C-alpha atoms as a PDB file:
ATOM      1  CA  MET A   1       1.273  24.503  -8.047  1.00  0.00           C
ATOM      2  CA  SER A   2       0.229  20.975  -8.346  1.00  0.00           C
ATOM      3  CA  LEU A   3       2.946  19.840  -5.870  1.00  0.00           C
ATOM      4  CA  ILE A   4      -0.106  20.790  -3.060  1.00  0.00           C
ATOM      5  CA  LEU A   5      -3.283  21.079  -5.057  1.00  0.00           C
ATOM      6  CA  ASN A   6      -6.449  19.022  -5.539  1.00  0.00           C
ATOM      7  CA  GLN A   7      -8.673  20.418  -3.352  1.00  0.00           C
ATOM      8  CA  PRO A   8     -11.570  18.679  -1.676  1.00  0.00           C
ATOM      9  CA  PRO A   9     -14.602  19.586   1.302  1.00  0.00           C
ATOM     10  CA  LYS A  10     -14.720  19.182   4.793  1.00  0.00           C
ATOM     11  CA  LEU A  11     -14.656  17.657   8.438  1.00  0.00           C
ATOM     12  CA  CYS A  12     -15.784  18.890  11.908  1.00  0.00           C
ATOM     13  CA  LEU A  13     -13.395  19.819  14.734  1.00  0.00           C
ATOM     14  CA  ARG A  14     -14.252  21.503  17.851  1.00  0.00           C
ATOM     15  CA  LYS A  15     -13.582  25.247  18.318  1.00  0.00           C
ATOM     16  CA  PRO A  16      -9.532  25.784  19.282  1.00  0.00           C
ATOM     17  CA  VAL A  17      -9.104  27.592  22.487  1.00  0.00           C
ATOM     18  CA  LEU A  18      -6.084  29.740  22.115  1.00  0.00           C
ATOM     19  CA  VAL A  19      -3.889  29.662  25.461  1.00  0.00           C
ATOM     20  CA  ARG A  20      -0.627  31.299  24.586  1.00  0.00           C
ATOM     21  CA  CYS A  21       2.358  30.683  26.871  1.00  0.00           C
ATOM     22  CA  SER A  22       4.195  33.599  29.365  1.00  0.00           C
ATOM     23  CA  PRO A  23       7.750  32.621  29.784  1.00  0.00           C
ATOM     24  CA  LEU A  24       9.173  32.926  33.314  1.00  0.00           C
ATOM     25  CA  HIS A  25      12.851  32.855  32.532  1.00  0.00           C
ATOM     26  CA  ASP A  26      15.647  31.879  34.724  1.00  0.00           C
ATOM     27  CA  SER A  27      19.403  33.233  34.779  1.00  0.00           C
ATOM     28  CA  ASN A  28      20.101  30.909  32.027  1.00  0.00           C
ATOM     29  CA  GLY A  29      16.824  32.190  30.043  1.00  0.00           C
ATOM     30  CA  TYR A  30      15.066  28.770  30.109  1.00  0.00           C
ATOM     31  CA  SER A  31      11.450  29.013  31.201  1.00  0.00           C
ATOM     32  CA  SER A  32       9.764  28.009  34.054  1.00  0.00           C
ATOM     33  CA  ALA A  33       6.567  27.801  33.328  1.00  0.00           C
ATOM     34  CA  SER A  34       4.870  24.523  33.817  1.00  0.00           C
ATOM     35  CA  LEU A  35       3.345  22.737  31.153  1.00  0.00           C
ATOM     36  CA  PRO A  36       0.062  19.849  31.349  1.00  0.00           C
ATOM     37  CA  GLN A  37       1.287  16.495  31.481  1.00  0.00           C
ATOM     38  CA  SER A  38       0.445  15.784  28.370  1.00  0.00           C
ATOM     39  CA  GLN A  39       2.876  18.328  26.863  1.00  0.00           C
ATOM     40  CA  THR A  40       5.999  17.326  28.254  1.00  0.00           C
ATOM     41  CA  LEU A  41       8.880  16.325  26.163  1.00  0.00           C
ATOM     42  CA  PRO A  42       9.182  12.588  25.840  1.00  0.00           C
ATOM     43  CA  LEU A  43      12.486  11.037  27.390  1.00  0.00           C
ATOM     44  CA  THR A  44      13.390   9.717  24.225  1.00  0.00           C
ATOM     45  CA  ILE A  45      12.725   9.107  20.311  1.00  0.00           C
ATOM     46  CA  PHE A  46      14.509   6.670  18.080  1.00  0.00           C
ATOM     47  CA  CYS A  47      14.498   8.441  14.913  1.00  0.00           C
ATOM     48  CA  ALA A  48      14.531   5.301  12.410  1.00  0.00           C
ATOM     49  CA  ASP A  49      13.984   4.666   8.966  1.00  0.00           C
ATOM     50  CA  PRO A  50      11.882   1.489   7.709  1.00  0.00           C
ATOM     51  CA  CYS A  51      13.667   1.486   4.312  1.00  0.00           C
ATOM     52  CA  ARG A  52      17.071   1.755   6.070  1.00  0.00           C
ATOM     53  CA  PRO A  53      17.030   0.042   9.151  1.00  0.00           C
ATOM     54  CA  HIS A  54      20.672   0.007   9.682  1.00  0.00           C
ATOM     55  CA  LEU A  55      19.962   4.153  10.458  1.00  0.00           C
ATOM     56  CA  VAL A  56      18.976   5.017  13.589  1.00  0.00           C
ATOM     57  CA  ARG A  57      19.441   7.961  15.837  1.00  0.00           C
ATOM     58  CA  ALA A  58      18.515   8.027  19.555  1.00  0.00           C
ATOM     59  CA  VAL A  59      17.507  11.706  20.486  1.00  0.00           C
ATOM     60  CA  VAL A  60      16.830  12.038  24.613  1.00  0.00           C
ATOM     61  CA  ARG A  61      15.534  14.807  26.988  1.00  0.00           C
ATOM     62  CA  ARG A  62      18.379  16.563  28.296  1.00  0.00           C
ATOM     63  CA  ASP A  63      18.418  20.070  30.246  1.00  0.00           C
ATOM     64  CA  GLY A  64      15.109  20.961  28.805  1.00  0.00           C
ATOM     65  CA  ASP A  65      15.483  19.861  25.074  1.00  0.00           C
ATOM     66  CA  MET A  66      15.881  17.408  22.950  1.00  0.00           C
ATOM     67  CA  HIS A  67      19.372  15.995  22.161  1.00  0.00           C
ATOM     68  CA  ALA A  68      20.977  13.571  19.868  1.00  0.00           C
ATOM     69  CA  LEU A  69      23.114  10.734  21.919  1.00  0.00           C
ATOM     70  CA  ASP A  70      26.719  11.479  20.740  1.00  0.00           C
ATOM     71  CA  TYR A  71      27.691   7.766  19.393  1.00  0.00           C
ATOM     72  CA  ASP A  72      26.267   5.676  16.594  1.00  0.00           C
ATOM     73  CA  MET A  73      23.564   3.089  17.131  1.00  0.00           C
ATOM     74  CA  PRO A  74      24.757  -0.510  16.300  1.00  0.00           C
ATOM     75  CA  ARG A  75      23.636  -1.213  12.710  1.00  0.00           C
ATOM     76  CA  ASP A  76      21.528  -4.262  13.682  1.00  0.00           C
ATOM     77  CA  PHE A  77      19.916  -2.188  16.052  1.00  0.00           C
ATOM     78  CA  MET A  78      16.396  -2.701  14.854  1.00  0.00           C
ATOM     79  CA  GLU A  79      16.756  -6.510  13.903  1.00  0.00           C
ATOM     80  CA  VAL A  80      18.314  -7.149  17.552  1.00  0.00           C
ATOM     81  CA  THR A  81      15.521  -5.349  19.490  1.00  0.00           C
ATOM     82  CA  LYS A  82      12.462  -5.632  17.045  1.00  0.00           C
ATOM     83  CA  MET A  83      11.372  -2.140  17.650  1.00  0.00           C
ATOM     84  CA  ILE A  84       8.666  -0.786  15.733  1.00  0.00           C
ATOM     85  CA  GLY A  85       8.366   2.774  17.771  1.00  0.00           C
ATOM     86  CA  THR A  86       8.750   4.769  20.196  1.00  0.00           C
ATOM     87  CA  SER A  87       5.964   7.100  21.517  1.00  0.00           C
ATOM     88  CA  ASN A  88       5.948   9.211  24.959  1.00  0.00           C
ATOM     89  CA  GLY A  89       9.059   7.742  25.953  1.00  0.00           C
ATOM     90  CA  TRP A  90       8.131   4.352  25.663  1.00  0.00           C
ATOM     91  CA  ILE A  91       9.741   1.553  23.215  1.00  0.00           C
ATOM     92  CA  THR A  92       7.552  -0.423  21.261  1.00  0.00           C
ATOM     93  CA  SER A  93       8.941  -4.061  19.937  1.00  0.00           C
ATOM     94  CA  LEU A  94       7.634  -6.634  18.466  1.00  0.00           C
ATOM     95  CA  VAL A  95       8.963 -10.404  18.892  1.00  0.00           C
ATOM     96  CA  ASP A  96       7.147 -13.513  17.525  1.00  0.00           C
ATOM     97  CA  GLY A  97       3.513 -12.096  17.259  1.00  0.00           C
ATOM     98  CA  ILE A  98       3.835 -10.023  21.172  1.00  0.00           C
ATOM     99  CA  VAL A  99       4.169  -6.312  21.115  1.00  0.00           C
ATOM    100  CA  ARG A 100       5.934  -5.534  23.792  1.00  0.00           C
ATOM    101  CA  ILE A 101       6.229  -1.919  25.489  1.00  0.00           C
ATOM    102  CA  ARG A 102       8.958  -0.649  27.945  1.00  0.00           C
ATOM    103  CA  GLU A 103       9.956   2.952  29.349  1.00  0.00           C
ATOM    104  CA  TYR A 104      13.137   4.434  28.740  1.00  0.00           C
ATOM    105  CA  PRO A 105      15.613   3.273  31.253  1.00  0.00           C
ATOM    106  CA  GLU A 106      16.250   7.272  32.112  1.00  0.00           C
ATOM    107  CA  LYS A 107      18.195   5.805  35.912  1.00  0.00           C
ATOM    108  CA  ASN A 108      17.959   2.577  37.096  1.00  0.00           C
ATOM    109  CA  PRO A 109      17.635  -0.153  34.099  1.00  0.00           C
ATOM    110  CA  LYS A 110      16.574  -2.687  36.620  1.00  0.00           C
ATOM    111  CA  GLN A 111      13.553  -0.845  37.500  1.00  0.00           C
ATOM    112  CA  VAL A 112      12.191  -0.274  33.933  1.00  0.00           C
ATOM    113  CA  ARG A 113       8.422  -1.110  33.572  1.00  0.00           C
ATOM    114  CA  ILE A 114       8.031  -3.482  30.548  1.00  0.00           C
ATOM    115  CA  ILE A 115       4.307  -4.372  29.807  1.00  0.00           C
ATOM    116  CA  PHE A 116       3.622  -7.409  27.402  1.00  0.00           C
ATOM    117  CA  LEU A 117       0.509  -6.696  25.331  1.00  0.00           C
ATOM    118  CA  PRO A 118      -1.756  -9.434  23.694  1.00  0.00           C
ATOM    119  CA  PRO A 119      -1.120 -11.558  20.633  1.00  0.00           C
ATOM    120  CA  HIS A 120      -0.841  -9.638  17.521  1.00  0.00           C
ATOM    121  CA  VAL A 121      -2.961 -10.724  14.563  1.00  0.00           C
ATOM    122  CA  THR A 122      -1.684  -9.653  10.795  1.00  0.00           C
ATOM    123  CA  LEU A 123      -4.803  -9.167   8.481  1.00  0.00           C
ATOM    124  CA  PRO A 124      -4.892 -11.257   5.548  1.00  0.00           C
ATOM    125  CA  LEU A 125      -2.973  -9.689   2.751  1.00  0.00           C
ATOM    126  CA  CYS A 126      -1.175  -7.492   5.210  1.00  0.00           C
ATOM    127  CA  GLN A 127       2.274  -7.555   6.647  1.00  0.00           C
ATOM    128  CA  ALA A 128       2.814  -6.651  10.035  1.00  0.00           C
ATOM    129  CA  GLN A 129       6.691  -6.818  10.422  1.00  0.00           C
ATOM    130  CA  MET A 130       7.656  -3.234   9.047  1.00  0.00           C
ATOM    131  CA  ALA A 131       5.581  -0.566  11.033  1.00  0.00           C
ATOM    132  CA  THR A 132       5.494   3.039   9.928  1.00  0.00           C
ATOM    133  CA  ASN A 133       5.094   4.109  13.605  1.00  0.00           C
ATOM    134  CA  VAL A 134       3.249   3.927  16.754  1.00  0.00           C
ATOM    135  CA  ALA A 135       0.770   6.647  18.932  1.00  0.00           C
ATOM    136  CA  MET A 136       0.272   6.502  22.165  1.00  0.00           C
ATOM    137  CA  SER A 137      -3.392   8.320  23.640  1.00  0.00           C
ATOM    138  CA  SER A 138      -1.437   8.794  27.225  1.00  0.00           C
ATOM    139  CA  SER A 139       2.046   9.023  28.804  1.00  0.00           C
ATOM    140  CA  SER A 140       1.245   5.898  30.943  1.00  0.00           C
ATOM    141  CA  PRO A 141       0.226   2.502  29.115  1.00  0.00           C
ATOM    142  CA  GLU A 142      -1.203   1.918  32.885  1.00  0.00           C
ATOM    143  CA  LYS A 143      -4.041   3.788  33.057  1.00  0.00           C
ATOM    144  CA  GLU A 144      -7.209   1.955  31.542  1.00  0.00           C
ATOM    145  CA  GLU A 145      -8.501   4.400  29.127  1.00  0.00           C
ATOM    146  CA  CYS A 146      -4.783   4.684  27.162  1.00  0.00           C
ATOM    147  CA  ALA A 147      -4.740   3.433  23.934  1.00  0.00           C
ATOM    148  CA  VAL A 148      -1.722   1.879  21.775  1.00  0.00           C
ATOM    149  CA  ALA A 149      -2.013   2.292  17.668  1.00  0.00           C
ATOM    150  CA  VAL A 150       0.735   0.865  15.866  1.00  0.00           C
ATOM    151  CA  LYS A 151       0.424   1.566  11.828  1.00  0.00           C
ATOM    152  CA  PHE A 152       2.141  -0.699   9.661  1.00  0.00           C
ATOM    153  CA  SER A 153       3.298  -0.281   6.048  1.00  0.00           C
ATOM    154  CA  GLY A 154       0.072  -0.711   3.954  1.00  0.00           C
ATOM    155  CA  PRO A 155      -3.725  -1.094   4.951  1.00  0.00           C
ATOM    156  CA  GLN A 156      -3.400  -2.395   8.620  1.00  0.00           C
ATOM    157  CA  LEU A 157      -3.739  -0.169  11.594  1.00  0.00           C
ATOM    158  CA  SER A 158      -4.057  -1.901  14.963  1.00  0.00           C
ATOM    159  CA  ILE A 159      -5.381  -0.634  18.425  1.00  0.00           C
ATOM    160  CA  CYS A 160      -4.933  -1.866  21.899  1.00  0.00           C
ATOM    161  CA  LYS A 161      -5.631  -1.010  25.121  1.00  0.00           C
ATOM    162  CA  PRO A 162      -3.260  -2.298  27.420  1.00  0.00           C
ATOM    163  CA  ALA A 163      -4.473  -1.810  30.817  1.00  0.00           C
ATOM    164  CA  GLN A 164      -8.070  -3.075  30.153  1.00  0.00           C
ATOM    165  CA  SER A 165      -8.384  -6.756  32.096  1.00  0.00           C
ATOM    166  CA  ASN A 166      -9.867  -8.151  28.582  1.00  0.00           C
ATOM    167  CA  ALA A 167      -7.381  -6.202  26.317  1.00  0.00           C
ATOM    168  CA  GLU A 168      -7.098  -7.257  22.689  1.00  0.00           C
ATOM    169  CA  TRP A 169      -5.975  -5.786  19.497  1.00  0.00           C
ATOM    170  CA  ILE A 170      -8.505  -4.258  17.374  1.00  0.00           C
ATOM    171  CA  ASN A 171      -7.508  -4.580  13.821  1.00  0.00           C
ATOM    172  CA  ILE A 172      -8.315  -2.363  10.989  1.00  0.00           C
ATOM    173  CA  ARG A 173      -8.573  -2.753   7.315  1.00  0.00           C
ATOM    174  CA  ILE A 174      -7.614   0.846   5.527  1.00  0.00           C
ATOM    175  CA  SER A 175      -9.249   0.701   2.186  1.00  0.00           C
ATOM    176  CA  ASN A 176      -7.490   3.973   0.716  1.00  0.00           C
ATOM    177  CA  PRO A 177      -4.129   3.327   0.031  1.00  0.00           C
ATOM    178  CA  CYS A 178      -3.072   7.105   0.571  1.00  0.00           C
ATOM    179  CA  PHE A 179      -2.557   6.388   4.053  1.00  0.00           C
ATOM    180  CA  PHE A 180      -0.871   3.031   3.742  1.00  0.00           C
ATOM    181  CA  SER A 181       2.663   4.843   3.927  1.00  0.00           C
ATOM    182  CA  SER A 182       1.652   7.723   6.385  1.00  0.00           C
ATOM    183  CA  PRO A 183       2.462   7.811  10.203  1.00  0.00           C
ATOM    184  CA  VAL A 184      -0.406   8.065  12.585  1.00  0.00           C
ATOM    185  CA  MET A 185      -0.889  10.540  15.556  1.00  0.00           C
ATOM    186  CA  TYR A 186      -3.075  10.702  18.528  1.00  0.00           C
ATOM    187  CA  SER A 187      -5.310  14.062  18.917  1.00  0.00           C
ATOM    188  CA  GLU A 188      -6.236  14.917  22.316  1.00  0.00           C
ATOM    189  CA  LYS A 189      -8.700  17.558  20.594  1.00  0.00           C
ATOM    190  CA  GLU A 190     -10.438  15.163  18.827  1.00  0.00           C
ATOM    191  CA  ASP A 191      -9.860  11.918  20.847  1.00  0.00           C
ATOM    192  CA  MET A 192      -9.155  10.107  17.973  1.00  0.00           C
ATOM    193  CA  PHE A 193      -6.065   8.659  15.864  1.00  0.00           C
ATOM    194  CA  ARG A 194      -5.618  10.478  13.325  1.00  0.00           C
ATOM    195  CA  ILE A 195      -3.622   9.822   9.734  1.00  0.00           C
ATOM    196  CA  ILE A 196      -2.704  12.629   7.247  1.00  0.00           C
ATOM    197  CA  GLY A 197      -3.108  10.856   3.362  1.00  0.00           C
ATOM    198  CA  SER A 198      -0.242  11.201   1.065  1.00  0.00           C
ATOM    199  CA  GLY A 199      -0.117  14.477  -0.746  1.00  0.00           C
ATOM    200  CA  GLY A 200      -1.706  16.194   2.478  1.00  0.00           C
ATOM    201  CA  HIS A 201      -5.277  16.185   0.756  1.00  0.00           C
ATOM    202  CA  LEU A 202      -7.166  13.823   2.776  1.00  0.00           C
ATOM    203  CA  VAL A 203      -6.976  13.497   7.139  1.00  0.00           C
ATOM    204  CA  GLY A 204      -8.605   9.973   8.312  1.00  0.00           C
ATOM    205  CA  SER A 205      -9.861   9.640  11.988  1.00  0.00           C
ATOM    206  CA  TRP A 206     -10.241   6.486  13.780  1.00  0.00           C
ATOM    207  CA  ASP A 207     -11.344   5.282  16.865  1.00  0.00           C
ATOM    208  CA  LEU A 208     -12.538   2.236  18.912  1.00  0.00           C
ATOM    209  CA  GLY A 209     -16.176   3.298  18.640  1.00  0.00           C
ATOM    210  CA  LYS A 210     -18.764   4.681  15.597  1.00  0.00           C
ATOM    211  CA  HIS A 211     -15.238   5.517  13.415  1.00  0.00           C
ATOM    212  CA  LYS A 212     -13.592   1.672  14.138  1.00  0.00           C
ATOM    213  CA  CYS A 213     -14.689   0.612  10.532  1.00  0.00           C
ATOM    214  CA  THR A 214     -15.852   3.744   8.855  1.00  0.00           C
ATOM    215  CA  PRO A 215     -12.778   6.664   9.448  1.00  0.00           C
ATOM    216  CA  LYS A 216     -14.057   9.895   9.775  1.00  0.00           C
ATOM    217  CA  ILE A 217     -12.791  11.878   6.687  1.00  0.00           C
ATOM    218  CA  GLN A 218     -11.676  15.503   6.270  1.00  0.00           C
ATOM    219  CA  ARG A 219     -10.996  16.875   2.924  1.00  0.00           C
ATOM    220  CA  LEU A 220      -8.412  19.527   2.994  1.00  0.00           C
ATOM    221  CA  GLN A 221      -8.572  22.743   0.899  1.00  0.00           C
ATOM    222  CA  PHE A 222      -5.304  25.010   0.330  1.00  0.00           C
ATOM    223  CA  GLN A 223      -5.068  27.890   0.839  1.00  0.00           C
ATOM    224  CA  ASN A 224      -2.592  31.097   0.627  1.00  0.00           C
ATOM    225  CA  LEU A 225      -0.281  28.787  -1.212  1.00  0.00           C
ATOM    226  CA  PRO A 226       2.978  30.659  -1.531  1.00  0.00           C
ATOM    227  CA  GLU A 227       4.433  31.874  -5.223  1.00  0.00           C
ATOM    228  CA  LEU A 228       7.363  29.745  -6.275  1.00  0.00           C
ATOM    229  CA  SER A 229      10.278  30.600  -8.659  1.00  0.00           C
ATOM    230  CA  LYS A 230      10.941  28.454 -11.540  1.00  0.00           C
ATOM    231  CA  ALA A 231      14.125  26.883  -9.572  1.00  0.00           C
ATOM    232  CA  LYS A 232      12.395  26.268  -6.176  1.00  0.00           C
ATOM    233  CA  ARG A 233       9.703  24.603  -7.929  1.00  0.00           C
ATOM    234  CA  GLU A 234      11.692  22.044  -9.629  1.00  0.00           C
ATOM    235  CA  LEU A 235      13.236  21.609  -6.494  1.00  0.00           C
ATOM    236  CA  LEU A 236      10.412  20.802  -4.582  1.00  0.00           C
ATOM    237  CA  TYR A 237       9.132  18.654  -7.555  1.00  0.00           C
ATOM    238  CA  SER A 238      12.239  16.489  -7.227  1.00  0.00           C
ATOM    239  CA  SER A 239      12.524  16.034  -3.588  1.00  0.00           C
ATOM    240  CA  ASN A 240      11.064  13.106  -1.211  1.00  0.00           C
ATOM    241  CA  THR A 241       7.735  14.461   0.323  1.00  0.00           C
ATOM    242  CA  SER A 242       6.065  13.521   3.542  1.00  0.00           C
ATOM    243  CA  GLU A 243       3.261  14.991   5.326  1.00  0.00           C
ATOM    244  CA  HIS A 244       2.821  15.075   9.281  1.00  0.00           C
ATOM    245  CA  LEU A 245       0.153  16.205  11.410  1.00  0.00           C
ATOM    246  CA  VAL A 246       0.631  17.865  14.571  1.00  0.00           C
ATOM    247  CA  GLU A 247      -1.247  19.577  17.192  1.00  0.00           C
ATOM    248  CA  SER A 248      -0.582  21.944  19.875  1.00  0.00           C
ATOM    249  CA  ARG A 249      -2.664  20.869  23.087  1.00  0.00           C
ATOM    250  CA  THR A 250      -2.044  24.290  24.762  1.00  0.00           C
ATOM    251  CA  THR A 251      -3.986  25.943  21.729  1.00  0.00           C
ATOM    252  CA  GLY A 252      -6.052  23.820  20.272  1.00  0.00           C
ATOM    253  CA  GLU A 253      -4.388  24.439  16.752  1.00  0.00           C
ATOM    254  CA  THR A 254      -3.262  21.707  14.611  1.00  0.00           C
ATOM    255  CA  PHE A 255      -0.960  22.080  11.873  1.00  0.00           C
ATOM    256  CA  MET A 256       0.239  19.999   8.716  1.00  0.00           C
ATOM    257  CA  VAL A 257       3.719  20.146   7.828  1.00  0.00           C
ATOM    258  CA  LYS A 258       5.244  19.544   4.113  1.00  0.00           C
ATOM    259  CA  TRP A 259       8.955  17.963   4.515  1.00  0.00           C
ATOM    260  CA  TYR A 260      11.146  18.035   1.323  1.00  0.00           C
ATOM    261  CA  LYS A 261      14.238  15.787   1.323  1.00  0.00           C
ATOM    262  CA  ARG A 262      16.611  15.006  -1.265  1.00  0.00           C
ATOM    263  CA  THR A 263      19.652  12.758  -1.586  1.00  0.00           C
ATOM    264  CA  ALA A 264      22.482  15.508  -0.779  1.00  0.00           C
ATOM    265  CA  LYS A 265      25.816  13.092  -0.600  1.00  0.00           C
ATOM    266  CA  THR A 266      27.001   9.267  -0.236  1.00  0.00           C
ATOM    267  CA  ILE A 267      28.887   8.172   2.731  1.00  0.00           C
ATOM    268  CA  TYR A 268      29.982   4.573   2.956  1.00  0.00           C
ATOM    269  CA  CYS A 269      28.080   3.834   0.192  1.00  0.00           C
ATOM    270  CA  ILE A 270      24.933   4.998   2.385  1.00  0.00           C
ATOM    271  CA  GLU A 271      22.784   7.654   0.746  1.00  0.00           C
ATOM    272  CA  ARG A 272      22.234  10.646   2.942  1.00  0.00           C
ATOM    273  CA  MET A 273      19.365  12.851   2.782  1.00  0.00           C
ATOM    274  CA  GLU A 274      18.861  17.057   3.632  1.00  0.00           C
ATOM    275  CA  THR A 275      15.834  18.985   4.096  1.00  0.00           C
ATOM    276  CA  GLN A 276      15.522  21.469   1.460  1.00  0.00           C
ATOM    277  CA  ALA A 277      12.095  23.136   2.652  1.00  0.00           C
ATOM    278  CA  LEU A 278       9.464  22.956   4.565  1.00  0.00           C
ATOM    279  CA  MET A 279       5.474  24.076   4.442  1.00  0.00           C
ATOM    280  CA  VAL A 280       3.357  24.653   7.372  1.00  0.00           C
ATOM    281  CA  PHE A 281      -0.390  24.513   6.907  1.00  0.00           C
ATOM    282  CA  LYS A 282      -2.580  25.687   9.516  1.00  0.00           C
ATOM    283  CA  ILE A 283      -5.905  23.336   9.456  1.00  0.00           C
ATOM    284  CA  ASP A 284      -9.359  24.985  10.657  1.00  0.00           C
ATOM    285  CA  GLU A 285     -12.553  23.530  11.290  1.00  0.00           C
ATOM    286  CA  GLN A 286     -13.620  23.805   7.979  1.00  0.00           C
ATOM    287  CA  GLY A 287     -10.777  21.592   6.290  1.00  0.00           C
ATOM    288  CA  ASN A 288      -8.645  24.875   4.813  1.00  0.00           C
ATOM    289  CA  ALA A 289      -5.077  24.376   5.434  1.00  0.00           C
ATOM    290  CA  VAL A 290      -3.753  27.816   5.516  1.00  0.00           C
ATOM    291  CA  TYR A 291       0.373  28.220   4.259  1.00  0.00           C
ATOM    292  CA  THR A 292       1.720  29.836   7.176  1.00  0.00           C
ATOM    293  CA  GLN A 293       5.166  31.280   7.916  1.00  0.00           C
ATOM    294  CA  ASP A 294       4.190  32.412  11.698  1.00  0.00           C
ATOM    295  CA  ILE A 295       2.555  29.262  14.614  1.00  0.00           C
ATOM    296  CA  GLY A 296       3.409  32.504  16.912  1.00  0.00           C
ATOM    297  CA  ASP A 297       5.014  31.111  20.398  1.00  0.00           C
ATOM    298  CA  LEU A 298       4.755  27.551  19.189  1.00  0.00           C
ATOM    299  CA  CYS A 299       7.613  25.501  18.262  1.00  0.00           C
ATOM    300  CA  ILE A 300       7.196  22.310  16.426  1.00  0.00           C
ATOM    301  CA  PHE A 301       9.661  18.921  17.118  1.00  0.00           C
ATOM    302  CA  LEU A 302       9.540  16.596  13.542  1.00  0.00           C
ATOM    303  CA  THR A 303      10.790  12.889  13.589  1.00  0.00           C
ATOM    304  CA  ARG A 304       9.419   9.964  11.623  1.00  0.00           C
ATOM    305  CA  SER A 305       8.698   8.302  14.615  1.00  0.00           C
ATOM    306  CA  GLU A 306       6.414  10.786  16.248  1.00  0.00           C
ATOM    307  CA  SER A 307       6.398  14.788  16.012  1.00  0.00           C
ATOM    308  CA  PHE A 308       4.728  17.386  18.782  1.00  0.00           C
ATOM    309  CA  CYS A 309       3.914  20.855  18.944  1.00  0.00           C
ATOM    310  CA  VAL A 310       4.924  22.763  22.225  1.00  0.00           C
ATOM    311  CA  PRO A 311       5.226  26.443  23.420  1.00  0.00           C
ATOM    312  CA  ALA A 312       8.528  27.865  22.545  1.00  0.00           C
ATOM    313  CA  CYS A 313       8.869  29.126  26.251  1.00  0.00           C
ATOM    314  CA  SER A 314       8.748  25.589  27.698  1.00  0.00           C
ATOM    315  CA  VAL A 315      12.105  24.588  25.756  1.00  0.00           C
ATOM    316  CA  ARG A 316      15.440  25.382  26.094  1.00  0.00           C
ATOM    317  CA  HIS A 317      17.130  27.199  23.690  1.00  0.00           C
ATOM    318  CA  MET A 318      13.912  26.874  21.537  1.00  0.00           C
ATOM    319  CA  ARG A 319      12.555  30.218  19.772  1.00  0.00           C
ATOM    320  CA  PRO A 320       8.938  30.897  18.722  1.00  0.00           C
ATOM    321  CA  ASN A 321       8.005  29.836  15.031  1.00  0.00           C
ATOM    322  CA  HIS A 322      10.600  27.119  14.674  1.00  0.00           C
ATOM    323  CA  VAL A 323      10.889  23.538  13.743  1.00  0.00           C
ATOM    324  CA  LYS A 324      13.301  21.457  14.969  1.00  0.00           C
ATOM    325  CA  LEU A 325      14.011  18.240  12.726  1.00  0.00           C
ATOM    326  CA  MET A 326      15.497  15.213  13.939  1.00  0.00           C
ATOM    327  CA  ASP A 327      16.399  12.540  11.365  1.00  0.00           C
ATOM    328  CA  VAL A 328      18.421   9.648  11.059  1.00  0.00           C
ATOM    329  CA  ASP A 329      20.304  11.860   8.282  1.00  0.00           C
ATOM    330  CA  GLU A 330      20.212  15.377  10.244  1.00  0.00           C
ATOM    331  CA  ILE A 331      19.157  17.546  13.077  1.00  0.00           C
ATOM    332  CA  THR A 332      18.483  20.583  12.199  1.00  0.00           C
ATOM    333  CA  ILE A 333      16.247  23.965  13.150  1.00  0.00           C
ATOM    334  CA  ILE A 334      14.487  25.632  10.516  1.00  0.00           C
ATOM    335  CA  ASP A 335      13.178  29.396  10.802  1.00  0.00           C
ATOM    336  CA  LEU A 336       9.679  29.399   8.879  1.00  0.00           C
ATOM    337  CA  ALA A 337       9.790  33.117   8.552  1.00  0.00           C
ATOM    338  CA  ALA A 338      13.350  33.107   7.105  1.00  0.00           C
ATOM    339  CA  GLN A 339      12.243  30.687   4.453  1.00  0.00           C
ATOM    340  CA  LYS A 340      12.347  32.100   0.798  1.00  0.00           C
ATOM    341  CA  TRP A 341      10.301  30.830  -2.042  1.00  0.00           C
ATOM    342  CA  ASN A 342      11.200  33.262  -5.123  1.00  0.00           C
END
């Protein structure tokens, strides 16, 4: 079980308020229950792998669900657009040191809003060409309180509030290497940007106040780990593993998802990876990371760009306790309760 052990101490989170969704279905079986503005599905997500920039997949909101476009993106898409990530339906690009965010052209491309942020500065001994991902605290960067965070591969995390009159980038040098390759997410519950460390043992949280230079650290203690068969253990040991934090804004629950992938085939000299397994852990206030195969009425959307957790009744065709994986290699749905470890 050394795949997920090494257990440390704790951090305080506010008590989650559990609010389950009672679906009201129309004739097509789709829920008409409305969600808060912050809980709606993003207009678009560009699934991209920084290490394989020629592989890009566009996923758009359509008919109450997230669907991949049925055509391939150009192989030079990342190079031409200089895109470094998407968040809340906004596309972020970095061109000649200027970060630009623009909304997805859903209807009229001529009316697309584009916001230019202040010139970005790369910290000494850091790089700002390859980004892990981008996270926004609001669906509208035009709101004064909205903050945009860019997590670059390596030690640099940059945060900016674009709507403020004196907008500037706050560049943070992360000291712990376990956070260097991990994605950033915004926690509405904590009102902080959070990063799960490689291996899933630490969660770091940053803001523009008290925890700008010294992050708030939560040490996780794994519990209720599944008993693995020898074959399953060898499979997970040989898989590429990434960790992702998601937060349900309707229930206040926080989950960590460990995503196991490995190379399954080669197409046109390009290695393609497939999901082998998922492990979901519910994180409580004391830092206990409890393995679970039951997330109740919720479902999770997992991508390398941004991940989110919503009531299943709010998404057409999604069932409770399922995870939809959207990546450059695959789009698939996992039933958490059906996973076998023996």
